[in-house]
Amino acid sequence: MTDVDRTDIRILAALQSDARQTNRALAGTVGLAPSTTLDRVRSLEERGVITGYHATTDLNALGRPIQAMVAIRLRPKTAAIVDQVVERLWSLPETLAVFMLSGIDDILVHLSVSDTEALRHLVLDRISSIEGVVDERTSLVFEHRRRTVLEPLDS
């Protein structure tokens, strides 16, 4: 783990809350000079602590109010099949995230679609037909909470 001190944590929290704020506003929030703040942010970027900036979007506003998690089992479970399935899932425009798992299921894919008919078509016609997929279980997501401000855990 890269060294992240309390000042870095304050900068990260402020940027995670509002990445569009000016450097001057950020400096005021964390109590540093603007030049020092800019140096700190650049250092966090160079060290790979900050990996990018993005806009959070509302899936409802994009016409994608239905979310689902699909647990997938693969056979044969070879590196080539796993990589191929992950790439196929990732290429679907409905895919929000893909997780490789240990345990009974091999892959978990987070999807968002316009309605349940679109979900049915996606799972039954497109996902289940991917080579190597032998079973899938779909769960609707009723509520989704995601932490947007993260800090290191105490060890």
C-alpha atoms as a PDB file:
ATOM      1  CA  MET A   1       0.000   0.000   0.000  1.00  0.00           C
ATOM      2  CA  THR A   2       1.262   3.438  -0.878  1.00  0.00           C
ATOM      3  CA  ASP A   3       1.795   5.909   1.957  1.00  0.00           C
ATOM      4  CA  VAL A   4      -1.295   8.033   2.450  1.00  0.00           C
ATOM      5  CA  ASP A   5      -1.242  10.467   5.361  1.00  0.00           C
ATOM      6  CA  ARG A   6      -4.069  12.352   7.074  1.00  0.00           C
ATOM      7  CA  THR A   7      -3.719  15.327   4.735  1.00  0.00           C
ATOM      8  CA  ASP A   8      -3.966  13.027   1.712  1.00  0.00           C
ATOM      9  CA  ILE A   9      -7.091  11.468   3.241  1.00  0.00           C
ATOM     10  CA  ARG A  10      -8.685  14.928   3.675  1.00  0.00           C
ATOM     11  CA  ILE A  11      -7.847  15.780   0.050  1.00  0.00           C
ATOM     12  CA  LEU A  12      -9.260  12.463  -1.171  1.00  0.00           C
ATOM     13  CA  ALA A  13     -12.477  12.894   0.812  1.00  0.00           C
ATOM     14  CA  ALA A  14     -12.976  16.408  -0.551  1.00  0.00           C
ATOM     15  CA  LEU A  15     -12.317  15.322  -4.152  1.00  0.00           C
ATOM     16  CA  GLN A  16     -14.550  12.269  -3.828  1.00  0.00           C
ATOM     17  CA  SER A  17     -17.351  14.528  -2.601  1.00  0.00           C
ATOM     18  CA  ASP A  18     -16.819  17.051  -5.412  1.00  0.00           C
ATOM     19  CA  ALA A  19     -14.118  16.415  -7.996  1.00  0.00           C
ATOM     20  CA  ARG A  20     -15.137  19.526  -9.955  1.00  0.00           C
ATOM     21  CA  GLN A  21     -14.142  22.004  -7.273  1.00  0.00           C
ATOM     22  CA  THR A  22     -11.313  24.371  -8.062  1.00  0.00           C
ATOM     23  CA  ASN A  23      -7.890  23.829  -6.568  1.00  0.00           C
ATOM     24  CA  ARG A  24      -8.374  27.050  -4.591  1.00  0.00           C
ATOM     25  CA  ALA A  25     -11.638  25.734  -3.077  1.00  0.00           C
ATOM     26  CA  LEU A  26     -10.001  22.382  -2.333  1.00  0.00           C
ATOM     27  CA  ALA A  27      -7.097  24.148  -0.630  1.00  0.00           C
ATOM     28  CA  GLY A  28      -9.538  26.103   1.534  1.00  0.00           C
ATOM     29  CA  THR A  29     -11.385  22.918   2.487  1.00  0.00           C
ATOM     30  CA  VAL A  30      -8.253  21.049   3.552  1.00  0.00           C
ATOM     31  CA  GLY A  31      -6.446  24.051   5.026  1.00  0.00           C
ATOM     32  CA  LEU A  32      -3.408  24.158   2.758  1.00  0.00           C
ATOM     33  CA  ALA A  33      -1.911  26.673   0.359  1.00  0.00           C
ATOM     34  CA  PRO A  34      -3.187  26.200  -3.220  1.00  0.00           C
ATOM     35  CA  SER A  35       0.314  25.353  -4.486  1.00  0.00           C
ATOM     36  CA  THR A  36       0.774  22.711  -1.788  1.00  0.00           C
ATOM     37  CA  THR A  37      -2.664  21.273  -2.516  1.00  0.00           C
ATOM     38  CA  LEU A  38      -1.911  21.058  -6.234  1.00  0.00           C
ATOM     39  CA  ASP A  39       1.391  19.295  -5.502  1.00  0.00           C
ATOM     40  CA  ARG A  40      -0.398  16.839  -3.197  1.00  0.00           C
ATOM     41  CA  VAL A  41      -3.100  16.065  -5.780  1.00  0.00           C
ATOM     42  CA  ARG A  42      -0.496  15.526  -8.498  1.00  0.00           C
ATOM     43  CA  SER A  43       1.441  13.215  -6.184  1.00  0.00           C
ATOM     44  CA  LEU A  44      -1.724  11.201  -5.446  1.00  0.00           C
ATOM     45  CA  GLU A  45      -2.318  10.877  -9.192  1.00  0.00           C
ATOM     46  CA  GLU A  46       1.294   9.897  -9.947  1.00  0.00           C
ATOM     47  CA  ARG A  47       1.275   7.261  -7.193  1.00  0.00           C
ATOM     48  CA  GLY A  48      -1.946   5.767  -8.566  1.00  0.00           C
ATOM     49  CA  VAL A  49      -4.055   6.613  -5.517  1.00  0.00           C
ATOM     50  CA  ILE A  50      -6.288   8.811  -7.674  1.00  0.00           C
ATOM     51  CA  THR A  51      -7.010   6.830 -10.824  1.00  0.00           C
ATOM     52  CA  GLY A  52      -9.427   9.198 -12.532  1.00  0.00           C
ATOM     53  CA  TYR A  53     -12.381  11.542 -12.274  1.00  0.00           C
ATOM     54  CA  HIS A  54     -15.895  10.848 -13.492  1.00  0.00           C
ATOM     55  CA  ALA A  55     -19.479  12.017 -13.458  1.00  0.00           C
ATOM     56  CA  THR A  56     -22.028   9.881 -11.626  1.00  0.00           C
ATOM     57  CA  THR A  57     -25.180   9.354 -13.642  1.00  0.00           C
ATOM     58  CA  ASP A  58     -28.768   8.443 -12.759  1.00  0.00           C
ATOM     59  CA  LEU A  59     -29.759   5.170 -14.432  1.00  0.00           C
ATOM     60  CA  ASN A  60     -33.443   6.187 -14.340  1.00  0.00           C
ATOM     61  CA  ALA A  61     -32.655   9.362 -16.268  1.00  0.00           C
ATOM     62  CA  LEU A  62     -30.866   7.227 -18.867  1.00  0.00           C
ATOM     63  CA  GLY A  63     -33.915   4.983 -19.315  1.00  0.00           C
ATOM     64  CA  ARG A  64     -32.302   2.063 -17.469  1.00  0.00           C
ATOM     65  CA  PRO A  65     -34.263   1.785 -14.185  1.00  0.00           C
ATOM     66  CA  ILE A  66     -34.081  -2.004 -13.809  1.00  0.00           C
ATOM     67  CA  GLN A  67     -30.882  -3.388 -12.256  1.00  0.00           C
ATOM     68  CA  ALA A  68     -30.000  -7.053 -11.862  1.00  0.00           C
ATOM     69  CA  MET A  69     -27.142  -9.210 -10.698  1.00  0.00           C
ATOM     70  CA  VAL A  70     -26.527 -12.359 -12.731  1.00  0.00           C
ATOM     71  CA  ALA A  71     -24.433 -15.123 -11.171  1.00  0.00           C
ATOM     72  CA  ILE A  72     -22.831 -17.277 -13.858  1.00  0.00           C
ATOM     73  CA  ARG A  73     -21.197 -20.710 -13.772  1.00  0.00           C
ATOM     74  CA  LEU A  74     -18.725 -21.760 -16.431  1.00  0.00           C
ATOM     75  CA  ARG A  75     -17.618 -25.113 -17.871  1.00  0.00           C
ATOM     76  CA  PRO A  76     -14.915 -25.811 -18.699  1.00  0.00           C
ATOM     77  CA  LYS A  77     -13.411 -23.335 -16.307  1.00  0.00           C
ATOM     78  CA  THR A  78     -10.228 -22.616 -18.196  1.00  0.00           C
ATOM     79  CA  ALA A  79      -8.411 -19.292 -18.343  1.00  0.00           C
ATOM     80  CA  ALA A  80      -9.347 -18.941 -22.001  1.00  0.00           C
ATOM     81  CA  ILE A  81     -13.079 -19.497 -21.362  1.00  0.00           C
ATOM     82  CA  VAL A  82     -13.097 -17.180 -18.339  1.00  0.00           C
ATOM     83  CA  ASP A  83     -11.344 -14.413 -20.286  1.00  0.00           C
ATOM     84  CA  GLN A  84     -13.657 -14.870 -23.273  1.00  0.00           C
ATOM     85  CA  VAL A  85     -16.818 -14.739 -21.148  1.00  0.00           C
ATOM     86  CA  VAL A  86     -15.612 -11.701 -19.181  1.00  0.00           C
ATOM     87  CA  GLU A  87     -14.839  -9.864 -22.437  1.00  0.00           C
ATOM     88  CA  ARG A  88     -18.230 -10.760 -23.947  1.00  0.00           C
ATOM     89  CA  LEU A  89     -20.063  -9.610 -20.805  1.00  0.00           C
ATOM     90  CA  TRP A  90     -18.021  -6.408 -20.633  1.00  0.00           C
ATOM     91  CA  SER A  91     -18.863  -5.638 -24.262  1.00  0.00           C
ATOM     92  CA  LEU A  92     -22.605  -5.609 -23.542  1.00  0.00           C
ATOM     93  CA  PRO A  93     -23.889  -2.023 -23.230  1.00  0.00           C
ATOM     94  CA  GLU A  94     -26.164  -3.119 -20.359  1.00  0.00           C
ATOM     95  CA  THR A  95     -23.171  -4.173 -18.220  1.00  0.00           C
ATOM     96  CA  LEU A  96     -22.248  -1.925 -15.297  1.00  0.00           C
ATOM     97  CA  ALA A  97     -19.659  -4.202 -13.648  1.00  0.00           C
ATOM     98  CA  VAL A  98     -18.162  -7.679 -13.930  1.00  0.00           C
ATOM     99  CA  PHE A  99     -16.748  -9.567 -10.948  1.00  0.00           C
ATOM    100  CA  MET A 100     -14.701 -12.786 -11.066  1.00  0.00           C
ATOM    101  CA  LEU A 101     -15.521 -14.898  -8.009  1.00  0.00           C
ATOM    102  CA  SER A 102     -14.346 -17.865  -6.017  1.00  0.00           C
ATOM    103  CA  GLY A 103     -16.890 -20.393  -4.801  1.00  0.00           C
ATOM    104  CA  ILE A 104     -19.866 -21.938  -6.585  1.00  0.00           C
ATOM    105  CA  ASP A 105     -20.355 -19.100  -9.057  1.00  0.00           C
ATOM    106  CA  ASP A 106     -17.556 -17.982 -11.334  1.00  0.00           C
ATOM    107  CA  ILE A 107     -18.727 -14.569 -12.497  1.00  0.00           C
ATOM    108  CA  LEU A 108     -21.164 -11.966 -11.223  1.00  0.00           C
ATOM    109  CA  VAL A 109     -22.355  -9.339 -13.678  1.00  0.00           C
ATOM    110  CA  HIS A 110     -24.237  -6.166 -12.697  1.00  0.00           C
ATOM    111  CA  LEU A 111     -26.674  -5.068 -15.396  1.00  0.00           C
ATOM    112  CA  SER A 112     -29.081  -2.193 -15.983  1.00  0.00           C
ATOM    113  CA  VAL A 113     -31.889  -2.336 -18.532  1.00  0.00           C
ATOM    114  CA  SER A 114     -35.054  -0.514 -19.538  1.00  0.00           C
ATOM    115  CA  ASP A 115     -37.575  -3.133 -18.390  1.00  0.00           C
ATOM    116  CA  THR A 116     -38.021  -6.765 -17.392  1.00  0.00           C
ATOM    117  CA  GLU A 117     -38.603  -7.856 -20.987  1.00  0.00           C
ATOM    118  CA  ALA A 118     -35.218  -6.425 -21.945  1.00  0.00           C
ATOM    119  CA  LEU A 119     -33.666  -8.233 -18.973  1.00  0.00           C
ATOM    120  CA  ARG A 120     -35.326 -11.506 -20.013  1.00  0.00           C
ATOM    121  CA  HIS A 121     -33.990 -11.161 -23.558  1.00  0.00           C
ATOM    122  CA  LEU A 122     -30.505 -10.222 -22.357  1.00  0.00           C
ATOM    123  CA  VAL A 123     -30.170 -13.165 -19.965  1.00  0.00           C
ATOM    124  CA  LEU A 124     -31.944 -15.879 -21.953  1.00  0.00           C
ATOM    125  CA  ASP A 125     -30.847 -14.992 -25.470  1.00  0.00           C
ATOM    126  CA  ARG A 126     -27.495 -13.263 -25.129  1.00  0.00           C
ATOM    127  CA  ILE A 127     -25.795 -14.268 -21.874  1.00  0.00           C
ATOM    128  CA  SER A 128     -26.855 -17.919 -21.686  1.00  0.00           C
ATOM    129  CA  SER A 129     -25.695 -18.464 -25.275  1.00  0.00           C
ATOM    130  CA  ILE A 130     -22.098 -17.393 -24.566  1.00  0.00           C
ATOM    131  CA  GLU A 131     -19.755 -20.349 -25.007  1.00  0.00           C
ATOM    132  CA  GLY A 132     -18.824 -21.780 -21.617  1.00  0.00           C
ATOM    133  CA  VAL A 133     -21.884 -20.471 -19.732  1.00  0.00           C
ATOM    134  CA  VAL A 134     -23.670 -23.503 -18.250  1.00  0.00           C
ATOM    135  CA  ASP A 135     -25.864 -21.843 -15.632  1.00  0.00           C
ATOM    136  CA  GLU A 136     -27.032 -18.384 -14.672  1.00  0.00           C
ATOM    137  CA  ARG A 137     -29.164 -17.073 -11.830  1.00  0.00           C
ATOM    138  CA  THR A 138     -30.680 -13.619 -12.000  1.00  0.00           C
ATOM    139  CA  SER A 139     -31.590 -11.451  -9.009  1.00  0.00           C
ATOM    140  CA  LEU A 140     -33.324  -8.089  -9.323  1.00  0.00           C
ATOM    141  CA  VAL A 141     -31.726  -5.235  -7.416  1.00  0.00           C
ATOM    142  CA  PHE A 142     -34.325  -3.394  -5.331  1.00  0.00           C
ATOM    143  CA  GLU A 143     -31.912  -0.845  -3.912  1.00  0.00           C
ATOM    144  CA  HIS A 144     -28.294  -0.016  -4.650  1.00  0.00           C
ATOM    145  CA  ARG A 145     -26.096   1.955  -2.281  1.00  0.00           C
ATOM    146  CA  ARG A 146     -22.522   2.684  -3.155  1.00  0.00           C
ATOM    147  CA  ARG A 147     -19.901   4.450  -1.106  1.00  0.00           C
ATOM    148  CA  THR A 148     -18.489   7.344  -3.028  1.00  0.00           C
ATOM    149  CA  VAL A 149     -16.098   8.567  -0.343  1.00  0.00           C
ATOM    150  CA  LEU A 150     -13.503   5.978   0.653  1.00  0.00           C
ATOM    151  CA  GLU A 151     -10.531   6.130   2.973  1.00  0.00           C
ATOM    152  CA  PRO A 152      -7.941   3.555   4.060  1.00  0.00           C
ATOM    153  CA  LEU A 153      -9.085   1.027   6.644  1.00  0.00           C
ATOM    154  CA  ASP A 154      -7.270   0.925   9.957  1.00  0.00           C
ATOM    155  CA  SER A 155      -5.007  -2.120  10.063  1.00  0.00           C
END
